[in-house]
């Protein structure tokens, strides 16, 4: 039995063949369907666990498992190291995905997930914004202009007729380079400009916070003259004590977590009492008419990252790999002719 390896070159071939816009559109569609079909009785998703450390540089490595009963176990191992771009010229988030047959434990496939994590996170924000932001939202504010900022803008541009994107980063060099990084999206009708935090927050219909703020360093913007229907996609909180949105905004907003058990441990929901937290995102997808009122009030999508998203992204990648016949099949596991003899390598 072989294991399919999908390396970065394989993913590049898939994306170039499919096209970035079509790839993002399909991710949004598949993830929306998965949320609508989500059945907690058939899908087991533990809260992620891992190791956090301060030396030699601050970072963490976590594992995010999901079991689809009777089918497969998908596990992502993800590293978050905020010093990577400056110290090592590497992405802040690096990850890999493995899929295991739940009947046998056989490793069916391994893939790079650095690209997929960025895309599925952007897609999740687009889905949440479709359900909570005003339908005619035209101005997006981006706080934190790293890698995730690119897919946030890309995904939102696929579901809203954007006119302006206002950007802010503590590092002006990162802000300026963002303009170059989004050129490939060909957002010809969208004006992308730098702004200070007050201008950004006051003009935006939708704000995406995707920062690497330190524990205890939040929030990353403040109360001010905000639009009464402002929607926030809070993407950067992924650790106890780390948050981006002012608690005063959260307390007067409709707060929707992606995965509640995780959000109360690592997300914006750390700042709230249980009665102040709204339903999880899958409930908004299943019963959209029940939550139409949210479009006219402040709202926050607490996006901590959910293993269901990784499962959807991996299956999408595997489907395209099969269609295009890409990837390398190798024998990783020792599967001897006599299954009771571990020393049989023939």
C-alpha atoms as a PDB file:
ATOM      1  CA  UNK A   1       0.000   0.000   0.000  1.00  0.00           C
ATOM      2  CA  UNK A   2       1.462   3.315  -1.084  1.00  0.00           C
ATOM      3  CA  UNK A   3       1.165   6.803   0.349  1.00  0.00           C
ATOM      4  CA  UNK A   4       0.518   9.758  -1.966  1.00  0.00           C
ATOM      5  CA  UNK A   5       2.949  12.634  -1.383  1.00  0.00           C
ATOM      6  CA  UNK A   6       1.813  16.061  -2.589  1.00  0.00           C
ATOM      7  CA  UNK A   7       4.778  18.416  -2.426  1.00  0.00           C
ATOM      8  CA  UNK A   8       4.854  22.119  -3.182  1.00  0.00           C
ATOM      9  CA  UNK A   9       5.534  21.526  -6.876  1.00  0.00           C
ATOM     10  CA  UNK A  10       2.448  19.321  -7.146  1.00  0.00           C
ATOM     11  CA  UNK A  11       0.307  21.978  -5.493  1.00  0.00           C
ATOM     12  CA  UNK A  12       1.767  24.612  -7.794  1.00  0.00           C
ATOM     13  CA  UNK A  13       0.779  22.544 -10.827  1.00  0.00           C
ATOM     14  CA  UNK A  14      -2.756  22.119  -9.500  1.00  0.00           C
ATOM     15  CA  UNK A  15      -3.211  25.809  -8.757  1.00  0.00           C
ATOM     16  CA  UNK A  16      -1.766  26.929 -12.094  1.00  0.00           C
ATOM     17  CA  UNK A  17      -4.065  24.546 -13.941  1.00  0.00           C
ATOM     18  CA  UNK A  18      -7.187  25.442 -11.951  1.00  0.00           C
ATOM     19  CA  UNK A  19      -6.454  29.154 -11.517  1.00  0.00           C
ATOM     20  CA  UNK A  20      -6.273  31.112  -8.258  1.00  0.00           C
ATOM     21  CA  UNK A  21      -9.776  32.561  -8.521  1.00  0.00           C
ATOM     22  CA  UNK A  22     -11.375  29.226  -9.347  1.00  0.00           C
ATOM     23  CA  UNK A  23      -9.398  27.549  -6.567  1.00  0.00           C
ATOM     24  CA  UNK A  24     -10.643  30.090  -4.004  1.00  0.00           C
ATOM     25  CA  UNK A  25     -14.209  29.913  -5.329  1.00  0.00           C
ATOM     26  CA  UNK A  26     -14.188  26.135  -5.021  1.00  0.00           C
ATOM     27  CA  UNK A  27     -12.768  26.317  -1.497  1.00  0.00           C
ATOM     28  CA  UNK A  28     -15.568  28.679  -0.465  1.00  0.00           C
ATOM     29  CA  UNK A  29     -18.186  26.423  -2.046  1.00  0.00           C
ATOM     30  CA  UNK A  30     -16.839  23.207  -0.538  1.00  0.00           C
ATOM     31  CA  UNK A  31     -16.409  24.688   2.914  1.00  0.00           C
ATOM     32  CA  UNK A  32     -19.924  26.154   2.836  1.00  0.00           C
ATOM     33  CA  UNK A  33     -21.332  22.736   1.964  1.00  0.00           C
ATOM     34  CA  UNK A  34     -19.269  21.058   4.693  1.00  0.00           C
ATOM     35  CA  UNK A  35     -20.614  23.512   7.269  1.00  0.00           C
ATOM     36  CA  UNK A  36     -24.183  22.921   6.084  1.00  0.00           C
ATOM     37  CA  UNK A  37     -23.697  19.144   6.239  1.00  0.00           C
ATOM     38  CA  UNK A  38     -21.767  19.183   9.529  1.00  0.00           C
ATOM     39  CA  UNK A  39     -23.026  16.513  11.927  1.00  0.00           C
ATOM     40  CA  UNK A  40     -21.337  16.474  15.358  1.00  0.00           C
ATOM     41  CA  UNK A  41     -22.576  12.904  15.786  1.00  0.00           C
ATOM     42  CA  UNK A  42     -20.459  11.737  12.845  1.00  0.00           C
ATOM     43  CA  UNK A  43     -17.505  14.120  13.098  1.00  0.00           C
ATOM     44  CA  UNK A  44     -15.169  14.183  16.087  1.00  0.00           C
ATOM     45  CA  UNK A  45     -13.026  17.298  16.457  1.00  0.00           C
ATOM     46  CA  UNK A  46     -10.903  17.632  19.611  1.00  0.00           C
ATOM     47  CA  UNK A  47      -9.487  20.991  20.647  1.00  0.00           C
ATOM     48  CA  UNK A  48      -5.992  21.225  19.213  1.00  0.00           C
ATOM     49  CA  UNK A  49      -3.011  20.621  21.472  1.00  0.00           C
ATOM     50  CA  UNK A  50       0.695  21.215  21.191  1.00  0.00           C
ATOM     51  CA  UNK A  51       3.880  22.724  22.542  1.00  0.00           C
ATOM     52  CA  UNK A  52       4.554  26.415  23.127  1.00  0.00           C
ATOM     53  CA  UNK A  53       8.071  27.642  23.847  1.00  0.00           C
ATOM     54  CA  UNK A  54      10.157  30.799  24.114  1.00  0.00           C
ATOM     55  CA  UNK A  55      13.593  29.479  23.157  1.00  0.00           C
ATOM     56  CA  UNK A  56      15.482  29.670  20.914  1.00  0.00           C
ATOM     57  CA  UNK A  57      12.714  31.912  19.538  1.00  0.00           C
ATOM     58  CA  UNK A  58       9.043  32.147  20.542  1.00  0.00           C
ATOM     59  CA  UNK A  59       6.779  29.693  18.775  1.00  0.00           C
ATOM     60  CA  UNK A  60       4.537  26.695  18.975  1.00  0.00           C
ATOM     61  CA  UNK A  61       3.856  23.430  17.195  1.00  0.00           C
ATOM     62  CA  UNK A  62       0.299  22.102  17.381  1.00  0.00           C
ATOM     63  CA  UNK A  63      -1.689  19.189  16.026  1.00  0.00           C
ATOM     64  CA  UNK A  64      -5.254  19.540  14.776  1.00  0.00           C
ATOM     65  CA  UNK A  65      -7.057  16.175  14.362  1.00  0.00           C
ATOM     66  CA  UNK A  66     -10.487  15.336  12.979  1.00  0.00           C
ATOM     67  CA  UNK A  67     -12.236  11.977  12.633  1.00  0.00           C
ATOM     68  CA  UNK A  68     -14.923  11.415  10.046  1.00  0.00           C
ATOM     69  CA  UNK A  69     -16.582   8.310  11.464  1.00  0.00           C
ATOM     70  CA  UNK A  70     -16.196   5.285   9.214  1.00  0.00           C
ATOM     71  CA  UNK A  71     -13.913   7.089   6.788  1.00  0.00           C
ATOM     72  CA  UNK A  72     -10.696   8.851   7.671  1.00  0.00           C
ATOM     73  CA  UNK A  73      -8.673  10.692  10.272  1.00  0.00           C
ATOM     74  CA  UNK A  74      -7.060  13.934   9.108  1.00  0.00           C
ATOM     75  CA  UNK A  75      -4.308  15.484  11.204  1.00  0.00           C
ATOM     76  CA  UNK A  76      -2.574  18.784  10.568  1.00  0.00           C
ATOM     77  CA  UNK A  77       0.674  19.596  12.323  1.00  0.00           C
ATOM     78  CA  UNK A  78       1.197  23.349  12.244  1.00  0.00           C
ATOM     79  CA  UNK A  79       3.995  25.571  13.445  1.00  0.00           C
ATOM     80  CA  UNK A  80       3.477  29.218  14.391  1.00  0.00           C
ATOM     81  CA  UNK A  81       6.713  31.196  14.648  1.00  0.00           C
ATOM     82  CA  UNK A  82       6.219  34.971  14.381  1.00  0.00           C
ATOM     83  CA  UNK A  83       9.939  35.687  13.981  1.00  0.00           C
ATOM     84  CA  UNK A  84      10.203  33.516  10.864  1.00  0.00           C
ATOM     85  CA  UNK A  85       9.814  36.216   8.163  1.00  0.00           C
ATOM     86  CA  UNK A  86      12.592  38.380   9.604  1.00  0.00           C
ATOM     87  CA  UNK A  87      14.907  35.784  11.178  1.00  0.00           C
ATOM     88  CA  UNK A  88      14.666  32.980   8.610  1.00  0.00           C
ATOM     89  CA  UNK A  89      12.771  34.367   5.605  1.00  0.00           C
ATOM     90  CA  UNK A  90      10.121  31.710   6.169  1.00  0.00           C
ATOM     91  CA  UNK A  91       6.337  32.020   6.544  1.00  0.00           C
ATOM     92  CA  UNK A  92       5.022  32.613  10.052  1.00  0.00           C
ATOM     93  CA  UNK A  93       2.834  29.522   9.685  1.00  0.00           C
ATOM     94  CA  UNK A  94       4.223  26.271   8.227  1.00  0.00           C
ATOM     95  CA  UNK A  95       2.170  23.094   8.273  1.00  0.00           C
ATOM     96  CA  UNK A  96       1.664  19.623   6.836  1.00  0.00           C
ATOM     97  CA  UNK A  97      -1.436  17.426   6.534  1.00  0.00           C
ATOM     98  CA  UNK A  98      -1.793  13.675   6.810  1.00  0.00           C
ATOM     99  CA  UNK A  99      -4.852  11.537   6.021  1.00  0.00           C
ATOM    100  CA  UNK A 100      -5.248   8.092   7.617  1.00  0.00           C
ATOM    101  CA  UNK A 101      -7.706   5.322   6.777  1.00  0.00           C
ATOM    102  CA  UNK A 102      -9.762   4.911   9.957  1.00  0.00           C
ATOM    103  CA  UNK A 103     -10.328   1.204   9.183  1.00  0.00           C
ATOM    104  CA  UNK A 104      -6.648   0.263   9.097  1.00  0.00           C
ATOM    105  CA  UNK A 105      -4.569   3.263  10.200  1.00  0.00           C
ATOM    106  CA  UNK A 106      -2.849   3.304   6.796  1.00  0.00           C
ATOM    107  CA  UNK A 107      -1.388   6.687   5.870  1.00  0.00           C
ATOM    108  CA  UNK A 108      -3.185   7.511   2.609  1.00  0.00           C
ATOM    109  CA  UNK A 109      -1.639  10.879   1.841  1.00  0.00           C
ATOM    110  CA  UNK A 110       0.632  13.690   2.993  1.00  0.00           C
ATOM    111  CA  UNK A 111       0.585  17.247   1.688  1.00  0.00           C
ATOM    112  CA  UNK A 112       2.057  20.647   2.367  1.00  0.00           C
ATOM    113  CA  UNK A 113      -0.606  22.682   4.162  1.00  0.00           C
ATOM    114  CA  UNK A 114       1.047  26.083   4.385  1.00  0.00           C
ATOM    115  CA  UNK A 115      -0.757  27.218   1.237  1.00  0.00           C
ATOM    116  CA  UNK A 116      -3.986  25.392   2.091  1.00  0.00           C
ATOM    117  CA  UNK A 117      -4.138  26.905   5.597  1.00  0.00           C
ATOM    118  CA  UNK A 118      -3.938  30.416   4.185  1.00  0.00           C
ATOM    119  CA  UNK A 119      -6.603  29.730   1.546  1.00  0.00           C
ATOM    120  CA  UNK A 120      -9.089  27.945   3.804  1.00  0.00           C
ATOM    121  CA  UNK A 121      -8.764  30.676   6.454  1.00  0.00           C
ATOM    122  CA  UNK A 122      -9.534  33.337   3.856  1.00  0.00           C
ATOM    123  CA  UNK A 123     -12.454  31.267   2.593  1.00  0.00           C
ATOM    124  CA  UNK A 124     -13.866  30.923   6.124  1.00  0.00           C
ATOM    125  CA  UNK A 125     -13.808  34.713   6.561  1.00  0.00           C
ATOM    126  CA  UNK A 126     -15.602  35.162   3.239  1.00  0.00           C
ATOM    127  CA  UNK A 127     -18.321  32.704   4.292  1.00  0.00           C
ATOM    128  CA  UNK A 128     -18.764  34.361   7.682  1.00  0.00           C
ATOM    129  CA  UNK A 129     -18.870  37.811   6.086  1.00  0.00           C
ATOM    130  CA  UNK A 130     -21.542  36.675   3.631  1.00  0.00           C
ATOM    131  CA  UNK A 131     -23.731  35.719   6.581  1.00  0.00           C
ATOM    132  CA  UNK A 132     -22.970  38.610   8.956  1.00  0.00           C
ATOM    133  CA  UNK A 133     -21.720  41.668   7.040  1.00  0.00           C
ATOM    134  CA  UNK A 134     -23.943  44.019   5.060  1.00  0.00           C
ATOM    135  CA  UNK A 135     -24.561  42.622   1.595  1.00  0.00           C
ATOM    136  CA  UNK A 136     -23.441  45.874  -0.030  1.00  0.00           C
ATOM    137  CA  UNK A 137     -20.155  46.131   1.899  1.00  0.00           C
ATOM    138  CA  UNK A 138     -17.601  47.929  -0.256  1.00  0.00           C
ATOM    139  CA  UNK A 139     -14.709  48.884   2.047  1.00  0.00           C
ATOM    140  CA  UNK A 140     -12.426  46.374   3.757  1.00  0.00           C
ATOM    141  CA  UNK A 141      -9.811  47.230   6.366  1.00  0.00           C
ATOM    142  CA  UNK A 142      -6.824  44.934   6.877  1.00  0.00           C
ATOM    143  CA  UNK A 143      -4.880  45.177  10.140  1.00  0.00           C
ATOM    144  CA  UNK A 144      -1.694  43.132   9.819  1.00  0.00           C
ATOM    145  CA  UNK A 145      -0.400  42.763   6.271  1.00  0.00           C
ATOM    146  CA  UNK A 146       1.394  39.411   6.405  1.00  0.00           C
ATOM    147  CA  UNK A 147       0.645  36.279   4.392  1.00  0.00           C
ATOM    148  CA  UNK A 148      -2.908  35.807   5.692  1.00  0.00           C
ATOM    149  CA  UNK A 149      -3.864  39.324   4.642  1.00  0.00           C
ATOM    150  CA  UNK A 150      -3.493  38.331   0.983  1.00  0.00           C
ATOM    151  CA  UNK A 151      -6.000  35.489   1.163  1.00  0.00           C
ATOM    152  CA  UNK A 152      -8.411  37.566   3.267  1.00  0.00           C
ATOM    153  CA  UNK A 153      -8.603  40.187   0.528  1.00  0.00           C
ATOM    154  CA  UNK A 154      -8.721  37.560  -2.198  1.00  0.00           C
ATOM    155  CA  UNK A 155     -11.575  35.618  -0.609  1.00  0.00           C
ATOM    156  CA  UNK A 156     -13.632  38.721   0.213  1.00  0.00           C
ATOM    157  CA  UNK A 157     -13.176  40.036  -3.330  1.00  0.00           C
ATOM    158  CA  UNK A 158     -14.826  36.851  -4.626  1.00  0.00           C
ATOM    159  CA  UNK A 159     -18.065  37.426  -2.670  1.00  0.00           C
ATOM    160  CA  UNK A 160     -18.315  41.243  -2.390  1.00  0.00           C
ATOM    161  CA  UNK A 161     -18.054  44.041  -4.967  1.00  0.00           C
ATOM    162  CA  UNK A 162     -15.197  45.758  -3.192  1.00  0.00           C
ATOM    163  CA  UNK A 163     -14.197  49.315  -4.001  1.00  0.00           C
ATOM    164  CA  UNK A 164     -11.496  50.049  -1.407  1.00  0.00           C
ATOM    165  CA  UNK A 165      -9.061  48.067   0.734  1.00  0.00           C
ATOM    166  CA  UNK A 166      -7.393  50.041   3.517  1.00  0.00           C
ATOM    167  CA  UNK A 167      -4.290  48.444   5.010  1.00  0.00           C
ATOM    168  CA  UNK A 168      -2.233  48.962   8.157  1.00  0.00           C
ATOM    169  CA  UNK A 169       0.816  47.209   9.592  1.00  0.00           C
ATOM    170  CA  UNK A 170       3.213  48.169  12.367  1.00  0.00           C
ATOM    171  CA  UNK A 171       6.000  47.647   9.841  1.00  0.00           C
ATOM    172  CA  UNK A 172       5.617  50.135   6.945  1.00  0.00           C
ATOM    173  CA  UNK A 173       7.782  47.924   4.742  1.00  0.00           C
ATOM    174  CA  UNK A 174       5.271  45.087   5.102  1.00  0.00           C
ATOM    175  CA  UNK A 175       2.403  47.440   4.242  1.00  0.00           C
ATOM    176  CA  UNK A 176       4.142  48.617   1.086  1.00  0.00           C
ATOM    177  CA  UNK A 177       5.040  45.091   0.003  1.00  0.00           C
ATOM    178  CA  UNK A 178       1.384  44.066   0.378  1.00  0.00           C
ATOM    179  CA  UNK A 179       0.566  46.207  -2.631  1.00  0.00           C
ATOM    180  CA  UNK A 180       2.961  44.115  -4.703  1.00  0.00           C
ATOM    181  CA  UNK A 181       1.750  40.817  -3.258  1.00  0.00           C
ATOM    182  CA  UNK A 182      -1.877  41.415  -4.268  1.00  0.00           C
ATOM    183  CA  UNK A 183      -1.040  42.489  -7.827  1.00  0.00           C
ATOM    184  CA  UNK A 184      -1.508  38.902  -9.009  1.00  0.00           C
ATOM    185  CA  UNK A 185      -5.132  39.001  -7.855  1.00  0.00           C
ATOM    186  CA  UNK A 186      -5.856  41.583 -10.580  1.00  0.00           C
ATOM    187  CA  UNK A 187      -8.216  43.624  -8.424  1.00  0.00           C
ATOM    188  CA  UNK A 188      -8.358  46.298 -11.113  1.00  0.00           C
ATOM    189  CA  UNK A 189     -11.477  48.013  -9.771  1.00  0.00           C
ATOM    190  CA  UNK A 190     -10.320  48.005  -6.140  1.00  0.00           C
ATOM    191  CA  UNK A 191      -8.278  50.845  -4.666  1.00  0.00           C
ATOM    192  CA  UNK A 192      -5.711  49.500  -2.182  1.00  0.00           C
ATOM    193  CA  UNK A 193      -4.149  52.173   0.024  1.00  0.00           C
ATOM    194  CA  UNK A 194      -2.340  52.540   3.334  1.00  0.00           C
ATOM    195  CA  UNK A 195      -4.212  54.217   6.179  1.00  0.00           C
ATOM    196  CA  UNK A 196      -3.785  54.900   9.859  1.00  0.00           C
ATOM    197  CA  UNK A 197      -5.824  52.837  12.305  1.00  0.00           C
ATOM    198  CA  UNK A 198      -8.378  55.579  12.973  1.00  0.00           C
ATOM    199  CA  UNK A 199      -9.056  56.125   9.269  1.00  0.00           C
ATOM    200  CA  UNK A 200      -9.219  52.402   8.586  1.00  0.00           C
ATOM    201  CA  UNK A 201     -11.616  51.612  11.430  1.00  0.00           C
ATOM    202  CA  UNK A 202     -13.898  54.544  10.645  1.00  0.00           C
ATOM    203  CA  UNK A 203     -14.249  53.805   6.930  1.00  0.00           C
ATOM    204  CA  UNK A 204     -14.441  50.006   6.864  1.00  0.00           C
ATOM    205  CA  UNK A 205     -17.583  47.915   6.453  1.00  0.00           C
ATOM    206  CA  UNK A 206     -15.476  44.815   7.171  1.00  0.00           C
ATOM    207  CA  UNK A 207     -12.240  44.651   9.157  1.00  0.00           C
ATOM    208  CA  UNK A 208      -9.891  41.650   9.103  1.00  0.00           C
ATOM    209  CA  UNK A 209      -7.412  41.464  11.964  1.00  0.00           C
ATOM    210  CA  UNK A 210      -4.619  39.078  11.036  1.00  0.00           C
ATOM    211  CA  UNK A 211      -1.717  40.096  13.237  1.00  0.00           C
ATOM    212  CA  UNK A 212       1.009  38.356  15.212  1.00  0.00           C
ATOM    213  CA  UNK A 213       0.252  40.361  18.345  1.00  0.00           C
ATOM    214  CA  UNK A 214       1.954  38.984  21.439  1.00  0.00           C
ATOM    215  CA  UNK A 215       0.125  37.500  24.406  1.00  0.00           C
ATOM    216  CA  UNK A 216      -1.205  40.436  26.399  1.00  0.00           C
ATOM    217  CA  UNK A 217      -0.425  42.852  23.567  1.00  0.00           C
ATOM    218  CA  UNK A 218      -3.973  43.287  22.265  1.00  0.00           C
ATOM    219  CA  UNK A 219      -6.254  44.775  21.229  1.00  0.00           C
ATOM    220  CA  UNK A 220      -4.847  45.899  17.887  1.00  0.00           C
ATOM    221  CA  UNK A 221      -7.391  48.677  17.306  1.00  0.00           C
ATOM    222  CA  UNK A 222      -9.615  50.783  19.530  1.00  0.00           C
ATOM    223  CA  UNK A 223     -13.183  51.969  19.831  1.00  0.00           C
ATOM    224  CA  UNK A 224     -13.955  55.016  17.733  1.00  0.00           C
ATOM    225  CA  UNK A 225     -16.322  56.322  15.109  1.00  0.00           C
ATOM    226  CA  UNK A 226     -17.119  52.887  13.691  1.00  0.00           C
ATOM    227  CA  UNK A 227     -19.904  52.057  11.277  1.00  0.00           C
ATOM    228  CA  UNK A 228     -22.909  50.629  13.175  1.00  0.00           C
ATOM    229  CA  UNK A 229     -22.890  47.499  10.984  1.00  0.00           C
ATOM    230  CA  UNK A 230     -19.140  46.846  11.178  1.00  0.00           C
ATOM    231  CA  UNK A 231     -18.191  43.191  10.773  1.00  0.00           C
ATOM    232  CA  UNK A 232     -14.820  41.947  12.044  1.00  0.00           C
ATOM    233  CA  UNK A 233     -13.056  38.774  10.976  1.00  0.00           C
ATOM    234  CA  UNK A 234     -10.699  38.189  13.903  1.00  0.00           C
ATOM    235  CA  UNK A 235      -8.110  35.797  12.497  1.00  0.00           C
ATOM    236  CA  UNK A 236      -4.977  36.264  14.576  1.00  0.00           C
ATOM    237  CA  UNK A 237      -5.986  34.998  18.021  1.00  0.00           C
ATOM    238  CA  UNK A 238      -4.746  31.444  18.406  1.00  0.00           C
ATOM    239  CA  UNK A 239      -3.263  31.240  21.893  1.00  0.00           C
ATOM    240  CA  UNK A 240      -4.383  31.732  25.519  1.00  0.00           C
ATOM    241  CA  UNK A 241      -4.114  35.385  26.462  1.00  0.00           C
ATOM    242  CA  UNK A 242      -3.831  36.528  22.849  1.00  0.00           C
ATOM    243  CA  UNK A 243      -6.581  38.627  21.292  1.00  0.00           C
ATOM    244  CA  UNK A 244      -7.061  41.441  18.777  1.00  0.00           C
ATOM    245  CA  UNK A 245     -10.547  42.957  19.269  1.00  0.00           C
ATOM    246  CA  UNK A 246     -11.430  45.380  22.102  1.00  0.00           C
ATOM    247  CA  UNK A 247     -13.677  43.731  24.663  1.00  0.00           C
ATOM    248  CA  UNK A 248     -16.040  46.729  24.497  1.00  0.00           C
ATOM    249  CA  UNK A 249     -16.715  45.967  20.819  1.00  0.00           C
ATOM    250  CA  UNK A 250     -17.158  42.270  21.511  1.00  0.00           C
ATOM    251  CA  UNK A 251     -19.710  42.928  24.240  1.00  0.00           C
ATOM    252  CA  UNK A 252     -21.987  44.903  21.926  1.00  0.00           C
ATOM    253  CA  UNK A 253     -21.499  42.626  18.926  1.00  0.00           C
ATOM    254  CA  UNK A 254     -22.942  39.358  17.690  1.00  0.00           C
ATOM    255  CA  UNK A 255     -19.948  37.072  18.247  1.00  0.00           C
ATOM    256  CA  UNK A 256     -19.786  33.892  16.180  1.00  0.00           C
ATOM    257  CA  UNK A 257     -16.925  31.433  16.807  1.00  0.00           C
ATOM    258  CA  UNK A 258     -15.761  28.920  14.221  1.00  0.00           C
ATOM    259  CA  UNK A 259     -15.268  26.217  16.897  1.00  0.00           C
ATOM    260  CA  UNK A 260     -16.503  27.200  20.356  1.00  0.00           C
ATOM    261  CA  UNK A 261     -14.434  24.813  22.558  1.00  0.00           C
ATOM    262  CA  UNK A 262     -11.296  26.238  20.969  1.00  0.00           C
ATOM    263  CA  UNK A 263     -12.438  29.874  20.795  1.00  0.00           C
ATOM    264  CA  UNK A 264     -13.047  30.103  24.547  1.00  0.00           C
ATOM    265  CA  UNK A 265      -9.531  28.789  25.124  1.00  0.00           C
ATOM    266  CA  UNK A 266      -7.548  30.621  22.441  1.00  0.00           C
ATOM    267  CA  UNK A 267      -9.782  33.109  20.608  1.00  0.00           C
ATOM    268  CA  UNK A 268     -11.580  36.382  21.143  1.00  0.00           C
ATOM    269  CA  UNK A 269     -14.198  34.482  23.158  1.00  0.00           C
ATOM    270  CA  UNK A 270     -11.645  34.322  25.995  1.00  0.00           C
ATOM    271  CA  UNK A 271     -12.815  37.822  26.848  1.00  0.00           C
ATOM    272  CA  UNK A 272     -16.514  36.950  27.140  1.00  0.00           C
ATOM    273  CA  UNK A 273     -18.931  35.088  29.362  1.00  0.00           C
ATOM    274  CA  UNK A 274     -20.778  32.119  27.880  1.00  0.00           C
ATOM    275  CA  UNK A 275     -24.037  34.056  27.532  1.00  0.00           C
ATOM    276  CA  UNK A 276     -22.255  36.744  25.477  1.00  0.00           C
ATOM    277  CA  UNK A 277     -21.175  34.289  22.754  1.00  0.00           C
ATOM    278  CA  UNK A 278     -23.409  33.508  19.800  1.00  0.00           C
ATOM    279  CA  UNK A 279     -23.806  30.286  17.802  1.00  0.00           C
ATOM    280  CA  UNK A 280     -20.978  28.622  15.901  1.00  0.00           C
ATOM    281  CA  UNK A 281     -20.599  29.334  12.195  1.00  0.00           C
ATOM    282  CA  UNK A 282     -22.163  26.053  11.047  1.00  0.00           C
ATOM    283  CA  UNK A 283     -25.442  27.074  12.684  1.00  0.00           C
ATOM    284  CA  UNK A 284     -25.533  30.289  10.646  1.00  0.00           C
ATOM    285  CA  UNK A 285     -25.026  28.272   7.483  1.00  0.00           C
ATOM    286  CA  UNK A 286     -27.738  25.768   8.323  1.00  0.00           C
ATOM    287  CA  UNK A 287     -30.337  28.393   9.326  1.00  0.00           C
ATOM    288  CA  UNK A 288     -29.375  31.680   7.617  1.00  0.00           C
ATOM    289  CA  UNK A 289     -32.865  33.232   7.811  1.00  0.00           C
ATOM    290  CA  UNK A 290     -32.730  33.056  11.620  1.00  0.00           C
ATOM    291  CA  UNK A 291     -29.726  35.393  11.680  1.00  0.00           C
ATOM    292  CA  UNK A 292     -30.559  37.964   8.992  1.00  0.00           C
ATOM    293  CA  UNK A 293     -30.764  40.634  11.709  1.00  0.00           C
ATOM    294  CA  UNK A 294     -27.010  40.386  12.267  1.00  0.00           C
ATOM    295  CA  UNK A 295     -26.247  42.291   9.033  1.00  0.00           C
ATOM    296  CA  UNK A 296     -27.469  45.546  10.591  1.00  0.00           C
ATOM    297  CA  UNK A 297     -25.461  45.334  13.831  1.00  0.00           C
ATOM    298  CA  UNK A 298     -21.805  44.943  14.875  1.00  0.00           C
ATOM    299  CA  UNK A 299     -20.569  41.390  14.461  1.00  0.00           C
ATOM    300  CA  UNK A 300     -17.354  39.420  14.993  1.00  0.00           C
ATOM    301  CA  UNK A 301     -16.267  36.121  13.490  1.00  0.00           C
ATOM    302  CA  UNK A 302     -13.867  34.519  15.980  1.00  0.00           C
ATOM    303  CA  UNK A 303     -11.706  32.521  13.578  1.00  0.00           C
ATOM    304  CA  UNK A 304      -9.284  30.339  15.512  1.00  0.00           C
ATOM    305  CA  UNK A 305      -8.908  27.697  12.785  1.00  0.00           C
ATOM    306  CA  UNK A 306     -10.947  24.496  12.711  1.00  0.00           C
ATOM    307  CA  UNK A 307      -9.782  21.041  11.657  1.00  0.00           C
ATOM    308  CA  UNK A 308     -12.953  20.636   9.583  1.00  0.00           C
ATOM    309  CA  UNK A 309     -11.579  23.321   7.279  1.00  0.00           C
ATOM    310  CA  UNK A 310      -8.336  21.380   6.861  1.00  0.00           C
ATOM    311  CA  UNK A 311     -10.226  18.185   6.062  1.00  0.00           C
ATOM    312  CA  UNK A 312     -12.187  19.985   3.335  1.00  0.00           C
ATOM    313  CA  UNK A 313      -9.034  21.584   1.920  1.00  0.00           C
ATOM    314  CA  UNK A 314      -7.147  18.280   1.857  1.00  0.00           C
ATOM    315  CA  UNK A 315      -9.968  16.425   0.115  1.00  0.00           C
ATOM    316  CA  UNK A 316     -10.179  19.171  -2.477  1.00  0.00           C
ATOM    317  CA  UNK A 317      -6.453  18.891  -3.106  1.00  0.00           C
ATOM    318  CA  UNK A 318      -6.625  15.089  -3.369  1.00  0.00           C
ATOM    319  CA  UNK A 319      -9.484  15.319  -5.862  1.00  0.00           C
ATOM    320  CA  UNK A 320      -7.523  17.657  -8.116  1.00  0.00           C
ATOM    321  CA  UNK A 321      -4.398  15.537  -7.759  1.00  0.00           C
ATOM    322  CA  UNK A 322      -6.346  12.510  -8.965  1.00  0.00           C
ATOM    323  CA  UNK A 323      -7.797  14.428 -11.918  1.00  0.00           C
ATOM    324  CA  UNK A 324      -4.402  15.768 -12.991  1.00  0.00           C
ATOM    325  CA  UNK A 325      -2.398  12.666 -12.012  1.00  0.00           C
ATOM    326  CA  UNK A 326       0.089  14.584  -9.896  1.00  0.00           C
ATOM    327  CA  UNK A 327       1.936  13.513  -6.771  1.00  0.00           C
ATOM    328  CA  UNK A 328       4.379  10.757  -5.907  1.00  0.00           C
ATOM    329  CA  UNK A 329       3.394   7.382  -4.471  1.00  0.00           C
ATOM    330  CA  UNK A 330       5.931   5.789  -2.149  1.00  0.00           C
ATOM    331  CA  UNK A 331       5.997   2.996   0.419  1.00  0.00           C
ATOM    332  CA  UNK A 332       6.519   4.666   3.782  1.00  0.00           C
ATOM    333  CA  UNK A 333       5.126   1.990   6.071  1.00  0.00           C
ATOM    334  CA  UNK A 334       6.628  -1.414   6.773  1.00  0.00           C
ATOM    335  CA  UNK A 335       3.811  -3.761   5.659  1.00  0.00           C
ATOM    336  CA  UNK A 336       5.432  -7.222   5.671  1.00  0.00           C
ATOM    337  CA  UNK A 337       4.008 -10.273   3.936  1.00  0.00           C
ATOM    338  CA  UNK A 338       3.621 -11.785   7.399  1.00  0.00           C
ATOM    339  CA  UNK A 339       1.818  -9.047   9.369  1.00  0.00           C
ATOM    340  CA  UNK A 340       2.992 -10.617  12.631  1.00  0.00           C
ATOM    341  CA  UNK A 341       6.679 -10.364  11.752  1.00  0.00           C
ATOM    342  CA  UNK A 342       8.070  -6.812  12.085  1.00  0.00           C
ATOM    343  CA  UNK A 343      11.502  -8.018  10.868  1.00  0.00           C
ATOM    344  CA  UNK A 344      10.191  -9.148   7.485  1.00  0.00           C
ATOM    345  CA  UNK A 345      11.370  -6.493   5.019  1.00  0.00           C
ATOM    346  CA  UNK A 346      11.026  -8.569   1.877  1.00  0.00           C
END
